[in-house]
Amino acid sequence: MRNHAQQAVEWLAAAAIDPRACKREWHSDTGTAVLAAGRFWDVLTVPEELGLFALDVLLRSPRHEPGPTLADFASHRLGFFLPPDPRTRWVGEGVRYASQGAWIAVPAPQRATGALRWLVPPDGSGTLHTPAAVEVALQQATGILATLLNPASSHRPDAQTSAIEARARTHYLRRLGPADTGRRPG
């Protein structure tokens, strides 16, 4: 029986026009291959901060098994791999949906370093994020970001949201640095 890492490579490479060439690309200097969306998966990409907070919500949900999540820290975006559905439309500032006819640059499944890397790598089983869970997580993350950017308008969240908000605030403030605490970088 093949191990999970090899299954993940085979599953992800299957989206390539030439899976063998895809695997060679992963072993090249760039370590990246360009794969077609819309066949086995679509990718919803969102701004980095929103995506990180949404991923935190998803990872803490006992009812959601997370799917592959790709970070592109050079372009400050996160991509959630979803079941393919060319009729789906996602609306929001900075939201992009790659489906049939779109191409996505992806590193090898085991790659956990570099500007383009997996935060949740494919497991080889075909597990994907559920659109409903991602939508809820993005809504919660939007609320968290709104509170961080405008603390005066904060609400009284439940205990779970408070814990996530505290982690998000810590992460957000750490990224800003002490001189910027309390205001959005810009």
N, C-alpha and C. Protein backbone atom coordinates (compact mmCIF):
# COMPACT_ATOMS: atom_id res chain seq x y z
N MET A 1 0.84 -1.18 0.00
CA MET A 1 0.00 0.00 0.00
C MET A 1 0.89 1.25 0.00
N ARG A 2 0.53 2.23 -0.82
CA ARG A 2 1.31 3.46 -0.90
C ARG A 2 1.07 4.33 0.33
N ASN A 3 2.08 5.11 0.67
CA ASN A 3 1.91 6.00 1.81
C ASN A 3 1.12 7.24 1.40
N HIS A 4 0.71 8.02 2.41
CA HIS A 4 -0.11 9.21 2.17
C HIS A 4 0.60 10.24 1.30
N ALA A 5 1.90 10.42 1.50
CA ALA A 5 2.64 11.41 0.70
C ALA A 5 2.60 11.05 -0.78
N GLN A 6 2.82 9.78 -1.10
CA GLN A 6 2.78 9.36 -2.50
C GLN A 6 1.37 9.47 -3.05
N GLN A 7 0.37 9.12 -2.25
CA GLN A 7 -1.03 9.26 -2.69
C GLN A 7 -1.35 10.72 -2.99
N ALA A 8 -0.85 11.62 -2.16
CA ALA A 8 -1.09 13.05 -2.37
C ALA A 8 -0.45 13.52 -3.67
N VAL A 9 0.76 13.06 -3.95
CA VAL A 9 1.45 13.42 -5.19
C VAL A 9 0.64 12.92 -6.39
N GLU A 10 0.21 11.67 -6.34
CA GLU A 10 -0.55 11.08 -7.45
C GLU A 10 -1.88 11.80 -7.66
N TRP A 11 -2.57 12.10 -6.56
CA TRP A 11 -3.87 12.77 -6.65
C TRP A 11 -3.73 14.16 -7.27
N LEU A 12 -2.77 14.93 -6.79
CA LEU A 12 -2.60 16.29 -7.28
C LEU A 12 -2.07 16.28 -8.72
N ALA A 13 -1.13 15.41 -9.03
CA ALA A 13 -0.57 15.34 -10.38
C ALA A 13 -1.60 14.90 -11.41
N ALA A 14 -2.63 14.18 -10.98
CA ALA A 14 -3.68 13.73 -11.90
C ALA A 14 -4.40 14.90 -12.55
N ALA A 15 -4.34 16.08 -11.95
CA ALA A 15 -4.98 17.26 -12.54
C ALA A 15 -4.15 17.85 -13.68
N ALA A 16 -2.93 17.38 -13.84
CA ALA A 16 -2.05 17.90 -14.89
C ALA A 16 -2.37 17.24 -16.23
N ILE A 17 -2.06 17.96 -17.30
CA ILE A 17 -2.21 17.38 -18.63
C ILE A 17 -1.27 16.19 -18.77
N ASP A 18 -0.06 16.32 -18.24
CA ASP A 18 0.93 15.26 -18.24
C ASP A 18 1.43 15.06 -16.81
N PRO A 19 0.86 14.10 -16.08
CA PRO A 19 1.25 13.90 -14.67
C PRO A 19 2.74 13.65 -14.46
N ARG A 20 3.39 12.94 -15.39
CA ARG A 20 4.83 12.70 -15.22
C ARG A 20 5.63 14.00 -15.34
N ALA A 21 5.26 14.84 -16.29
CA ALA A 21 5.93 16.14 -16.43
C ALA A 21 5.68 17.01 -15.21
N CYS A 22 4.49 16.91 -14.65
CA CYS A 22 4.15 17.65 -13.43
C CYS A 22 5.09 17.26 -12.30
N LYS A 23 5.29 15.97 -12.12
CA LYS A 23 6.18 15.50 -11.05
C LYS A 23 7.62 15.95 -11.28
N ARG A 24 8.03 15.98 -12.55
CA ARG A 24 9.38 16.49 -12.86
C ARG A 24 9.49 17.97 -12.49
N GLU A 25 8.45 18.73 -12.76
CA GLU A 25 8.44 20.15 -12.40
C GLU A 25 8.59 20.32 -10.89
N TRP A 26 7.94 19.48 -10.13
CA TRP A 26 8.02 19.57 -8.67
C TRP A 26 9.45 19.29 -8.18
N HIS A 27 10.21 18.54 -8.95
CA HIS A 27 11.59 18.24 -8.56
C HIS A 27 12.59 19.21 -9.18
N SER A 28 12.10 20.17 -9.96
CA SER A 28 12.99 21.15 -10.60
C SER A 28 13.32 22.28 -9.63
N ASP A 29 14.05 23.27 -10.14
CA ASP A 29 14.45 24.41 -9.32
C ASP A 29 13.27 25.16 -8.73
N THR A 30 12.22 25.36 -9.52
CA THR A 30 11.07 26.13 -9.01
C THR A 30 10.21 25.30 -8.07
N GLY A 31 10.15 23.99 -8.30
CA GLY A 31 9.33 23.13 -7.45
C GLY A 31 7.85 23.37 -7.61
N THR A 32 7.46 23.98 -8.73
CA THR A 32 6.07 24.36 -8.94
C THR A 32 5.59 23.86 -10.30
N ALA A 33 4.33 23.42 -10.34
CA ALA A 33 3.70 23.03 -11.59
C ALA A 33 2.41 23.83 -11.74
N VAL A 34 1.99 24.03 -12.97
CA VAL A 34 0.74 24.73 -13.24
C VAL A 34 -0.30 23.68 -13.60
N LEU A 35 -1.39 23.65 -12.81
CA LEU A 35 -2.42 22.63 -12.98
C LEU A 35 -3.76 23.26 -13.32
N ALA A 36 -4.58 22.50 -14.03
CA ALA A 36 -5.90 22.97 -14.44
C ALA A 36 -6.90 22.86 -13.29
N ALA A 37 -7.58 23.96 -13.03
CA ALA A 37 -8.68 23.93 -12.07
C ALA A 37 -9.93 23.43 -12.81
N GLY A 38 -10.94 23.03 -12.05
CA GLY A 38 -12.21 22.66 -12.64
C GLY A 38 -12.39 21.20 -12.96
N ARG A 39 -11.35 20.42 -12.87
CA ARG A 39 -11.46 18.99 -13.16
C ARG A 39 -11.70 18.20 -11.88
N PHE A 40 -10.77 18.27 -10.96
CA PHE A 40 -10.91 17.57 -9.67
C PHE A 40 -11.22 18.53 -8.54
N TRP A 41 -10.93 19.80 -8.76
CA TRP A 41 -11.13 20.81 -7.72
C TRP A 41 -11.18 22.20 -8.34
N ASP A 42 -11.80 23.11 -7.62
CA ASP A 42 -11.75 24.53 -7.91
C ASP A 42 -10.98 25.17 -6.76
N VAL A 43 -10.55 26.40 -6.93
CA VAL A 43 -9.80 27.07 -5.88
C VAL A 43 -10.39 28.46 -5.64
N LEU A 44 -10.77 28.70 -4.41
CA LEU A 44 -11.23 30.02 -3.99
C LEU A 44 -10.06 30.71 -3.31
N THR A 45 -9.59 31.83 -3.89
CA THR A 45 -8.48 32.55 -3.27
C THR A 45 -9.01 33.85 -2.66
N VAL A 46 -8.45 34.17 -1.50
CA VAL A 46 -8.86 35.35 -0.75
C VAL A 46 -7.61 36.06 -0.24
N PRO A 47 -7.75 37.33 0.17
CA PRO A 47 -6.60 38.02 0.75
C PRO A 47 -6.03 37.25 1.95
N GLU A 48 -4.73 37.34 2.10
CA GLU A 48 -3.99 36.54 3.10
C GLU A 48 -4.56 36.63 4.52
N GLU A 49 -4.76 37.84 5.04
CA GLU A 49 -5.24 37.97 6.42
C GLU A 49 -6.59 37.29 6.59
N LEU A 50 -7.52 37.57 5.69
CA LEU A 50 -8.84 36.97 5.75
C LEU A 50 -8.73 35.45 5.69
N GLY A 51 -7.90 34.96 4.78
CA GLY A 51 -7.72 33.53 4.63
C GLY A 51 -7.13 32.86 5.85
N LEU A 52 -6.15 33.50 6.48
CA LEU A 52 -5.53 32.91 7.68
C LEU A 52 -6.54 32.80 8.82
N PHE A 53 -7.34 33.85 9.00
CA PHE A 53 -8.35 33.79 10.07
C PHE A 53 -9.42 32.76 9.74
N ALA A 54 -9.83 32.69 8.47
CA ALA A 54 -10.83 31.69 8.07
C ALA A 54 -10.28 30.27 8.25
N LEU A 55 -9.03 30.06 7.90
CA LEU A 55 -8.42 28.74 8.09
C LEU A 55 -8.39 28.37 9.56
N ASP A 56 -8.09 29.33 10.42
CA ASP A 56 -8.10 29.08 11.86
C ASP A 56 -9.48 28.61 12.31
N VAL A 57 -10.52 29.26 11.81
CA VAL A 57 -11.89 28.86 12.14
C VAL A 57 -12.14 27.43 11.65
N LEU A 58 -11.75 27.13 10.43
CA LEU A 58 -11.98 25.79 9.86
C LEU A 58 -11.23 24.71 10.63
N LEU A 59 -9.99 24.99 11.00
CA LEU A 59 -9.18 23.99 11.70
C LEU A 59 -9.71 23.70 13.10
N ARG A 60 -10.44 24.62 13.66
CA ARG A 60 -10.97 24.43 15.01
C ARG A 60 -12.39 23.87 15.01
N SER A 61 -12.97 23.71 13.85
CA SER A 61 -14.33 23.20 13.76
C SER A 61 -14.33 21.68 13.87
N PRO A 62 -15.05 21.14 14.85
CA PRO A 62 -15.10 19.68 14.98
C PRO A 62 -15.90 19.02 13.87
N ARG A 63 -16.70 19.80 13.13
CA ARG A 63 -17.55 19.23 12.09
C ARG A 63 -16.96 19.34 10.69
N HIS A 64 -15.76 19.89 10.59
CA HIS A 64 -15.18 20.11 9.26
C HIS A 64 -13.81 19.46 9.15
N GLU A 65 -13.68 18.58 8.18
CA GLU A 65 -12.36 18.03 7.87
C GLU A 65 -11.75 18.94 6.80
N PRO A 66 -10.66 19.62 7.14
CA PRO A 66 -10.13 20.61 6.20
C PRO A 66 -9.57 19.99 4.93
N GLY A 67 -9.77 20.69 3.85
CA GLY A 67 -9.20 20.29 2.58
C GLY A 67 -7.90 21.03 2.33
N PRO A 68 -7.31 20.79 1.18
CA PRO A 68 -6.05 21.45 0.87
C PRO A 68 -6.18 22.98 0.89
N THR A 69 -5.18 23.61 1.47
CA THR A 69 -5.16 25.08 1.55
C THR A 69 -3.76 25.53 1.17
N LEU A 70 -3.70 26.37 0.16
CA LEU A 70 -2.44 26.82 -0.42
C LEU A 70 -2.20 28.28 -0.08
N ALA A 71 -1.00 28.59 0.37
CA ALA A 71 -0.64 29.98 0.67
C ALA A 71 0.33 30.48 -0.39
N ASP A 72 0.05 31.67 -0.89
CA ASP A 72 0.98 32.36 -1.78
C ASP A 72 1.37 33.64 -1.06
N PHE A 73 2.43 33.56 -0.27
CA PHE A 73 2.84 34.69 0.55
C PHE A 73 3.47 35.81 -0.28
N ALA A 74 3.88 35.52 -1.52
CA ALA A 74 4.40 36.58 -2.39
C ALA A 74 3.26 37.50 -2.84
N SER A 75 2.09 36.92 -3.13
CA SER A 75 0.94 37.74 -3.53
C SER A 75 -0.05 37.97 -2.40
N HIS A 76 0.28 37.47 -1.22
CA HIS A 76 -0.55 37.69 -0.02
C HIS A 76 -1.96 37.14 -0.21
N ARG A 77 -2.03 35.86 -0.64
CA ARG A 77 -3.33 35.22 -0.87
C ARG A 77 -3.31 33.79 -0.34
N LEU A 78 -4.51 33.31 0.03
CA LEU A 78 -4.70 31.92 0.44
C LEU A 78 -5.73 31.30 -0.48
N GLY A 79 -5.52 30.03 -0.85
CA GLY A 79 -6.46 29.33 -1.72
C GLY A 79 -7.04 28.11 -1.03
N PHE A 80 -8.37 28.03 -1.03
CA PHE A 80 -9.09 26.90 -0.46
C PHE A 80 -9.56 26.01 -1.61
N PHE A 81 -9.18 24.74 -1.59
CA PHE A 81 -9.56 23.81 -2.65
C PHE A 81 -10.96 23.27 -2.34
N LEU A 82 -11.87 23.45 -3.32
CA LEU A 82 -13.28 23.10 -3.18
C LEU A 82 -13.68 22.12 -4.28
N PRO A 83 -14.83 21.44 -4.11
CA PRO A 83 -15.31 20.59 -5.19
C PRO A 83 -15.56 21.43 -6.45
N PRO A 84 -15.29 20.87 -7.63
CA PRO A 84 -15.48 21.64 -8.85
C PRO A 84 -16.96 21.94 -9.10
N ASP A 85 -17.25 23.18 -9.42
CA ASP A 85 -18.61 23.59 -9.75
C ASP A 85 -18.53 24.89 -10.56
N PRO A 86 -18.54 24.79 -11.90
CA PRO A 86 -18.36 25.98 -12.73
C PRO A 86 -19.50 26.99 -12.59
N ARG A 87 -20.63 26.59 -12.02
CA ARG A 87 -21.75 27.52 -11.86
C ARG A 87 -21.62 28.37 -10.60
N THR A 88 -20.71 27.99 -9.71
CA THR A 88 -20.56 28.70 -8.45
C THR A 88 -19.97 30.08 -8.68
N ARG A 89 -20.50 31.05 -7.96
CA ARG A 89 -19.96 32.41 -7.98
C ARG A 89 -19.72 32.84 -6.54
N TRP A 90 -18.52 33.31 -6.27
CA TRP A 90 -18.17 33.86 -4.96
C TRP A 90 -17.99 35.36 -5.14
N VAL A 91 -18.63 36.12 -4.26
CA VAL A 91 -18.58 37.57 -4.36
C VAL A 91 -17.94 38.13 -3.10
N GLY A 92 -17.05 39.07 -3.28
CA GLY A 92 -16.42 39.73 -2.14
C GLY A 92 -15.18 40.46 -2.60
N GLU A 93 -14.78 41.43 -1.82
CA GLU A 93 -13.59 42.20 -2.16
C GLU A 93 -12.35 41.31 -2.11
N GLY A 94 -11.63 41.26 -3.21
CA GLY A 94 -10.40 40.48 -3.26
C GLY A 94 -10.61 38.98 -3.43
N VAL A 95 -11.85 38.55 -3.65
CA VAL A 95 -12.15 37.13 -3.81
C VAL A 95 -12.01 36.74 -5.28
N ARG A 96 -11.32 35.64 -5.52
CA ARG A 96 -11.16 35.12 -6.88
C ARG A 96 -11.51 33.63 -6.86
N TYR A 97 -12.21 33.20 -7.90
CA TYR A 97 -12.62 31.80 -7.97
C TYR A 97 -12.07 31.20 -9.26
N ALA A 98 -11.20 30.22 -9.13
CA ALA A 98 -10.61 29.53 -10.28
C ALA A 98 -11.35 28.22 -10.50
N SER A 99 -11.98 28.11 -11.67
CA SER A 99 -12.73 26.91 -12.02
C SER A 99 -12.29 26.48 -13.42
N GLN A 100 -13.17 25.79 -14.11
CA GLN A 100 -12.85 25.26 -15.43
C GLN A 100 -12.28 26.36 -16.33
N GLY A 101 -11.14 26.08 -16.95
CA GLY A 101 -10.49 27.03 -17.83
C GLY A 101 -9.42 27.86 -17.14
N ALA A 102 -9.30 27.74 -15.82
CA ALA A 102 -8.29 28.49 -15.07
C ALA A 102 -7.14 27.57 -14.71
N TRP A 103 -6.00 28.16 -14.46
CA TRP A 103 -4.79 27.41 -14.11
C TRP A 103 -4.25 27.91 -12.78
N ILE A 104 -3.74 26.99 -11.98
CA ILE A 104 -3.23 27.31 -10.65
C ILE A 104 -1.79 26.79 -10.52
N ALA A 105 -0.90 27.64 -10.05
CA ALA A 105 0.47 27.21 -9.75
C ALA A 105 0.46 26.53 -8.39
N VAL A 106 0.95 25.30 -8.34
CA VAL A 106 0.97 24.56 -7.08
C VAL A 106 2.33 23.90 -6.86
N PRO A 107 2.78 23.91 -5.62
CA PRO A 107 4.02 23.19 -5.30
C PRO A 107 3.70 21.72 -5.06
N ALA A 108 4.72 20.92 -4.91
CA ALA A 108 4.54 19.51 -4.55
C ALA A 108 3.79 19.44 -3.21
N PRO A 109 2.98 18.41 -3.01
CA PRO A 109 2.18 18.32 -1.79
C PRO A 109 2.98 18.37 -0.49
N GLN A 110 4.21 17.90 -0.51
CA GLN A 110 4.99 17.87 0.73
C GLN A 110 5.70 19.20 1.01
N ARG A 111 5.56 20.17 0.13
CA ARG A 111 6.27 21.45 0.29
C ARG A 111 5.60 22.32 1.36
N ALA A 112 6.36 22.60 2.41
CA ALA A 112 5.83 23.40 3.53
C ALA A 112 6.68 24.65 3.77
N THR A 113 7.54 24.99 2.82
CA THR A 113 8.35 26.20 2.95
C THR A 113 8.31 26.97 1.63
N GLY A 114 8.79 28.20 1.66
CA GLY A 114 8.82 29.03 0.47
C GLY A 114 7.61 29.94 0.40
N ALA A 115 7.61 30.82 -0.60
CA ALA A 115 6.52 31.78 -0.74
C ALA A 115 5.22 31.09 -1.15
N LEU A 116 5.31 30.01 -1.93
CA LEU A 116 4.15 29.24 -2.35
C LEU A 116 4.23 27.90 -1.64
N ARG A 117 3.32 27.67 -0.69
CA ARG A 117 3.40 26.43 0.09
C ARG A 117 2.03 26.04 0.62
N TRP A 118 1.97 24.79 1.03
CA TRP A 118 0.73 24.23 1.58
C TRP A 118 0.65 24.52 3.07
N LEU A 119 -0.48 25.09 3.50
CA LEU A 119 -0.76 25.20 4.93
C LEU A 119 -1.49 23.94 5.38
N VAL A 120 -2.35 23.42 4.51
CA VAL A 120 -2.97 22.11 4.70
C VAL A 120 -2.72 21.37 3.38
N PRO A 121 -1.79 20.42 3.38
CA PRO A 121 -1.47 19.73 2.13
C PRO A 121 -2.57 18.74 1.74
N PRO A 122 -2.66 18.41 0.46
CA PRO A 122 -3.60 17.36 0.05
C PRO A 122 -3.21 16.06 0.74
N ASP A 123 -4.21 15.27 1.09
CA ASP A 123 -3.92 14.01 1.79
C ASP A 123 -3.94 12.80 0.85
N GLY A 124 -4.29 13.04 -0.41
CA GLY A 124 -4.32 11.95 -1.38
C GLY A 124 -5.65 11.25 -1.49
N SER A 125 -6.57 11.53 -0.57
CA SER A 125 -7.88 10.87 -0.58
C SER A 125 -8.91 11.65 -1.39
N GLY A 126 -8.57 12.87 -1.78
CA GLY A 126 -9.53 13.70 -2.49
C GLY A 126 -10.35 14.59 -1.58
N THR A 127 -10.03 14.62 -0.30
CA THR A 127 -10.74 15.48 0.64
C THR A 127 -10.60 16.93 0.21
N LEU A 128 -11.72 17.63 0.15
CA LEU A 128 -11.75 19.05 -0.20
C LEU A 128 -12.54 19.80 0.86
N HIS A 129 -12.34 21.10 0.92
CA HIS A 129 -13.17 21.92 1.81
C HIS A 129 -14.61 21.89 1.30
N THR A 130 -15.57 21.99 2.19
CA THR A 130 -16.96 22.13 1.76
C THR A 130 -17.25 23.62 1.59
N PRO A 131 -17.91 23.99 0.50
CA PRO A 131 -18.19 25.41 0.26
C PRO A 131 -18.93 26.08 1.43
N ALA A 132 -19.91 25.38 2.01
CA ALA A 132 -20.67 25.98 3.12
C ALA A 132 -19.78 26.28 4.31
N ALA A 133 -18.87 25.36 4.63
CA ALA A 133 -17.97 25.58 5.78
C ALA A 133 -17.02 26.74 5.50
N VAL A 134 -16.52 26.84 4.28
CA VAL A 134 -15.62 27.94 3.93
C VAL A 134 -16.38 29.27 3.99
N GLU A 135 -17.62 29.27 3.51
CA GLU A 135 -18.42 30.50 3.55
C GLU A 135 -18.62 30.98 4.99
N VAL A 136 -18.99 30.07 5.88
CA VAL A 136 -19.18 30.43 7.29
C VAL A 136 -17.87 30.92 7.89
N ALA A 137 -16.78 30.23 7.60
CA ALA A 137 -15.47 30.62 8.15
C ALA A 137 -15.07 32.01 7.65
N LEU A 138 -15.34 32.30 6.38
CA LEU A 138 -15.01 33.62 5.84
C LEU A 138 -15.86 34.71 6.49
N GLN A 139 -17.12 34.39 6.76
CA GLN A 139 -17.98 35.36 7.45
C GLN A 139 -17.45 35.64 8.85
N GLN A 140 -17.08 34.58 9.57
CA GLN A 140 -16.53 34.78 10.92
C GLN A 140 -15.21 35.54 10.86
N ALA A 141 -14.38 35.21 9.90
CA ALA A 141 -13.08 35.89 9.76
C ALA A 141 -13.28 37.37 9.43
N THR A 142 -14.28 37.67 8.62
CA THR A 142 -14.58 39.06 8.30
C THR A 142 -14.97 39.82 9.56
N GLY A 143 -15.77 39.19 10.41
CA GLY A 143 -16.15 39.81 11.68
C GLY A 143 -14.95 40.04 12.58
N ILE A 144 -14.07 39.09 12.61
CA ILE A 144 -12.85 39.21 13.43
C ILE A 144 -12.01 40.38 12.93
N LEU A 145 -11.81 40.44 11.62
CA LEU A 145 -11.01 41.53 11.05
C LEU A 145 -11.67 42.89 11.29
N ALA A 146 -13.00 42.94 11.18
CA ALA A 146 -13.70 44.20 11.43
C ALA A 146 -13.48 44.66 12.86
N THR A 147 -13.51 43.73 13.79
CA THR A 147 -13.29 44.07 15.20
C THR A 147 -11.85 44.54 15.42
N LEU A 148 -10.91 43.87 14.78
CA LEU A 148 -9.51 44.26 14.94
C LEU A 148 -9.23 45.64 14.36
N LEU A 149 -9.88 45.93 13.25
CA LEU A 149 -9.64 47.21 12.59
C LEU A 149 -10.42 48.35 13.22
N ASN A 150 -11.49 48.02 13.95
CA ASN A 150 -12.31 49.04 14.59
C ASN A 150 -12.76 48.53 15.95
N PRO A 151 -11.86 48.49 16.94
CA PRO A 151 -12.18 47.93 18.25
C PRO A 151 -13.35 48.63 18.94
N ALA A 152 -13.62 49.88 18.63
CA ALA A 152 -14.72 50.60 19.27
C ALA A 152 -16.07 50.00 18.91
N SER A 153 -16.16 49.34 17.78
CA SER A 153 -17.44 48.76 17.36
C SER A 153 -17.56 47.29 17.74
N SER A 154 -16.73 46.84 18.66
CA SER A 154 -16.75 45.41 18.97
C SER A 154 -18.06 45.02 19.62
N HIS A 155 -18.45 43.81 19.38
CA HIS A 155 -19.69 43.24 19.89
C HIS A 155 -19.36 42.31 21.05
N ARG A 156 -20.34 41.64 21.52
CA ARG A 156 -20.13 40.65 22.59
C ARG A 156 -20.21 39.26 21.98
N PRO A 157 -19.09 38.75 21.54
CA PRO A 157 -19.09 37.44 20.88
C PRO A 157 -19.21 36.30 21.88
N ASP A 158 -19.56 35.14 21.34
CA ASP A 158 -19.61 33.95 22.20
C ASP A 158 -18.19 33.52 22.54
N ALA A 159 -18.07 32.53 23.41
CA ALA A 159 -16.75 32.12 23.92
C ALA A 159 -15.83 31.64 22.81
N GLN A 160 -16.37 30.86 21.85
CA GLN A 160 -15.52 30.34 20.77
C GLN A 160 -15.00 31.49 19.91
N THR A 161 -15.88 32.42 19.56
CA THR A 161 -15.45 33.56 18.75
C THR A 161 -14.44 34.40 19.51
N SER A 162 -14.64 34.55 20.82
CA SER A 162 -13.70 35.34 21.63
C SER A 162 -12.30 34.73 21.58
N ALA A 163 -12.22 33.41 21.68
CA ALA A 163 -10.92 32.74 21.65
C ALA A 163 -10.26 32.93 20.29
N ILE A 164 -11.03 32.79 19.23
CA ILE A 164 -10.50 32.98 17.88
C ILE A 164 -10.07 34.43 17.70
N GLU A 165 -10.91 35.37 18.18
CA GLU A 165 -10.57 36.79 18.08
C GLU A 165 -9.27 37.11 18.81
N ALA A 166 -9.10 36.51 19.98
CA ALA A 166 -7.88 36.76 20.76
C ALA A 166 -6.65 36.28 20.00
N ARG A 167 -6.75 35.08 19.40
CA ARG A 167 -5.63 34.56 18.61
C ARG A 167 -5.40 35.44 17.39
N ALA A 168 -6.49 35.85 16.75
CA ALA A 168 -6.37 36.69 15.56
C ALA A 168 -5.74 38.04 15.92
N ARG A 169 -6.19 38.62 17.01
CA ARG A 169 -5.64 39.91 17.43
C ARG A 169 -4.14 39.78 17.71
N THR A 170 -3.76 38.70 18.39
CA THR A 170 -2.35 38.47 18.69
C THR A 170 -1.56 38.34 17.39
N HIS A 171 -2.08 37.54 16.46
CA HIS A 171 -1.41 37.35 15.17
C HIS A 171 -1.33 38.68 14.42
N TYR A 172 -2.43 39.39 14.35
CA TYR A 172 -2.49 40.62 13.58
C TYR A 172 -1.54 41.66 14.15
N LEU A 173 -1.57 41.83 15.47
CA LEU A 173 -0.71 42.83 16.09
C LEU A 173 0.76 42.44 15.96
N ARG A 174 1.05 41.15 16.03
CA ARG A 174 2.43 40.70 15.88
C ARG A 174 2.93 41.04 14.47
N ARG A 175 2.07 40.91 13.48
CA ARG A 175 2.47 41.21 12.11
C ARG A 175 2.68 42.71 11.92
N LEU A 176 1.92 43.54 12.62
CA LEU A 176 2.06 44.98 12.47
C LEU A 176 3.31 45.52 13.14
N GLY A 177 3.61 44.97 14.31
CA GLY A 177 4.73 45.49 15.10
C GLY A 177 4.23 46.51 16.11
N PRO A 178 4.99 46.77 17.16
CA PRO A 178 4.55 47.62 18.25
C PRO A 178 4.23 49.05 17.83
N ALA A 179 4.92 49.60 16.85
CA ALA A 179 4.69 50.99 16.46
C ALA A 179 3.35 51.18 15.77
N ASP A 180 2.80 50.11 15.19
CA ASP A 180 1.56 50.22 14.43
C ASP A 180 0.34 49.74 15.18
N THR A 181 0.47 49.32 16.40
CA THR A 181 -0.64 48.75 17.15
C THR A 181 -1.82 49.71 17.14
N GLY A 182 -2.98 49.14 16.78
CA GLY A 182 -4.20 49.92 16.82
C GLY A 182 -4.60 50.57 15.51
N ARG A 183 -3.80 50.45 14.48
CA ARG A 183 -4.22 51.00 13.20
C ARG A 183 -3.78 50.07 12.06
N ARG A 184 -4.52 50.12 11.01
CA ARG A 184 -4.25 49.26 9.86
C ARG A 184 -3.04 49.78 9.10
N PRO A 185 -2.17 48.86 8.66
CA PRO A 185 -1.02 49.31 7.87
C PRO A 185 -1.49 49.91 6.55
N GLY A 186 -0.79 50.83 6.03
CA GLY A 186 -1.23 51.35 4.76
C GLY A 186 -0.34 52.34 4.26
